[in-house]
Every structure is written in C-alpha cells, then in structure tokens.
Protein backbone atom coordinates (compact mmCIF):
# COMPACT_ATOMS: atom_id res chain seq x y z
CA MET A 1 0.00 0.00 0.00
CA ARG A 2 1.09 3.58 -0.64
CA ARG A 3 2.85 4.98 2.44
CA PRO A 4 3.51 8.75 2.11
CA ASP A 5 4.67 8.70 5.75
CA LEU A 6 7.73 6.72 4.54
CA ASP A 7 8.66 9.08 1.70
CA ASP A 8 11.56 10.37 3.83
CA HIS A 9 12.92 6.86 4.50
CA PRO A 10 16.58 6.47 3.43
CA ARG A 11 15.60 3.87 0.77
CA VAL A 12 13.19 6.35 -0.85
CA ARG A 13 15.56 9.31 -0.47
CA TYR A 14 18.27 7.28 -2.22
CA ALA A 15 15.90 6.46 -5.08
CA ALA A 16 14.95 10.14 -5.37
CA ALA A 17 18.61 11.16 -5.65
CA PHE A 18 18.97 9.35 -9.01
CA ARG A 19 15.39 8.96 -10.25
CA THR A 20 12.17 10.96 -10.47
CA ASP A 21 8.77 10.56 -8.89
CA ALA A 22 10.03 8.39 -6.00
CA ARG A 23 7.20 7.07 -3.83
CA ALA A 24 7.13 4.78 -0.79
CA PHE A 25 5.06 1.66 -0.31
CA GLY A 26 5.02 -0.79 2.57
CA LEU A 27 3.02 -2.87 4.96
CA THR A 28 -0.03 -1.31 6.57
CA ASP A 29 1.79 -0.75 9.85
CA GLY A 30 5.40 -0.30 10.82
CA ASP A 31 8.39 0.29 8.63
CA ASP A 32 10.06 -3.12 8.55
CA VAL A 33 9.60 -3.29 4.78
CA VAL A 34 9.92 -0.22 2.58
CA VAL A 35 9.48 -0.35 -1.17
CA SER A 36 10.44 2.56 -3.40
CA LEU A 37 8.88 2.95 -6.81
CA SER A 38 10.28 5.60 -9.12
CA THR A 39 10.92 6.51 -12.73
CA GLY A 40 14.46 5.60 -13.72
CA ILE A 41 16.69 5.52 -16.77
CA GLY A 42 14.77 5.64 -20.04
CA GLY A 43 11.50 6.38 -18.25
CA LEU A 44 11.26 2.82 -16.93
CA GLN A 45 9.60 2.13 -13.60
CA GLU A 46 12.16 1.01 -11.06
CA ILE A 47 11.66 -0.66 -7.73
CA GLY A 48 13.84 -0.91 -4.65
CA VAL A 49 13.16 -2.71 -1.39
CA GLU A 50 14.67 -2.57 2.06
CA VAL A 51 13.92 -4.91 4.94
CA ALA A 52 14.88 -3.83 8.47
CA PRO A 53 17.66 -5.97 9.95
CA GLY A 54 15.38 -7.43 12.63
CA ALA A 55 12.85 -8.58 10.03
CA ARG A 56 15.23 -10.22 7.58
CA GLY A 57 15.23 -13.93 6.81
CA GLN A 58 11.42 -14.21 6.85
CA GLY A 59 10.81 -13.81 3.13
CA LEU A 60 9.34 -10.31 3.55
CA GLY A 61 11.56 -8.80 0.85
CA ALA A 62 10.49 -11.39 -1.72
CA GLU A 63 6.85 -10.98 -0.67
CA ALA A 64 7.07 -7.19 -1.03
CA LEU A 65 8.70 -7.49 -4.45
CA ARG A 66 5.95 -9.83 -5.68
CA ALA A 67 3.24 -7.51 -4.36
CA ALA A 68 4.93 -4.47 -5.91
CA SER A 69 4.57 -6.00 -9.37
CA ALA A 70 0.85 -5.26 -9.08
CA LEU A 71 1.64 -1.53 -8.94
CA ILE A 72 2.64 -1.55 -12.62
CA PRO A 73 0.12 -2.13 -15.42
CA GLU A 74 0.40 -5.58 -16.99
CA GLY A 75 2.79 -5.67 -19.91
CA HIS A 76 4.86 -2.71 -18.73
CA PRO A 77 8.46 -3.41 -17.71
CA LEU A 78 9.50 -3.06 -14.09
CA ILE A 79 13.21 -2.78 -13.32
CA ALA A 80 14.70 -3.89 -10.02
CA SER A 81 18.32 -3.03 -9.33
CA ALA A 82 20.69 -4.83 -7.03
CA ALA A 83 24.44 -4.67 -6.76
CA PRO A 84 25.88 -8.03 -7.89
CA GLY A 85 27.64 -8.36 -4.54
CA ASN A 86 24.39 -7.94 -2.63
CA VAL A 87 23.59 -11.64 -2.57
CA VAL A 88 20.56 -11.24 -0.29
CA ALA A 89 18.93 -8.73 -2.66
CA VAL A 90 19.67 -10.84 -5.72
CA GLN A 91 18.24 -13.94 -4.00
CA ALA A 92 15.07 -12.01 -3.02
CA LEU A 93 14.62 -10.83 -6.60
CA LEU A 94 15.06 -14.33 -8.01
CA ALA A 95 12.66 -15.74 -5.38
CA SER A 96 10.10 -13.12 -6.48
CA ASP A 97 9.98 -14.31 -10.08
CA TYR A 98 12.21 -11.52 -11.39
CA GLU A 99 14.81 -12.65 -13.87
CA VAL A 100 18.19 -11.28 -14.79
CA VAL A 101 18.08 -9.84 -18.30
CA GLY A 102 21.13 -7.60 -18.24
CA SER A 103 23.20 -5.26 -16.20
CA ARG A 104 24.17 -1.63 -16.23
CA GLN A 105 26.68 0.62 -14.61
CA VAL A 106 25.50 3.98 -13.37
CA VAL A 107 28.29 6.49 -12.87
CA VAL A 108 27.58 9.90 -11.41
CA ARG A 109 29.85 12.90 -11.31
CA ASP A 110 31.07 13.92 -7.88
CA LEU A 111 29.77 17.48 -7.63
CA ARG A 112 32.02 18.12 -4.61
CA SER A 113 35.09 17.84 -6.83
CA SER A 114 36.35 21.00 -8.49
CA ARG A 115 38.29 19.12 -11.19
C-alpha cells in the first residue's frame, strides 16, 4: 500500500537522488519493509526494497517485491536493481519471479570535486 509517511525513509531518499517521482510503499503498519517505486533511466519504472535488519530472513523482501509488481500495469516493464555483490537482494529478486536480463553501470559525477 502507498505509504507517504515513509517518503523520507533512506531507501526512498536514495531512489529520489537518481530517479524521479520516488514514492514509498510498505506494509499497513510499521516500517520493517519499505518499497520505493520511481521513474528511472529511459523512463522505466524502477523498484527498490529494504527490509529492516530485525525482520530479515522471513521472506518479507520477496513478498514485497511480488506484491509491488501489481503496482505496474500488466505488460509494462518493471526494473529492479541490485548490486551483484548484494547476494541477499539478488536472492530475493530471483525468489520473487524476477529474472536477470542484463546489467548496467550507473556512474555519477562527484559534484564536490572541483576538477
């Protein structure tokens, strides 16, 4: 369900730093699972999920990812990003019926540098 009260969650703020229209979704109560949905590269819908450390290992991330698929109209692509080294995230995505179709590198300029 849409959770505007979680729009300031670090997961959603991170999504908003690189994407547009970042919105938070989650369970009806608490903030153990936060899902960000935003518009990413090429105008594609992109999802991110974060499970609080105390709630991990219960399949909540995979459950949230499956439920989030319903937020996108059928037939429209939904991108989920995970760093290859983030084994837990990759496993949750694969357990949620997402499949690896490619990879990308996103490089941003360090605006603090004066070079």
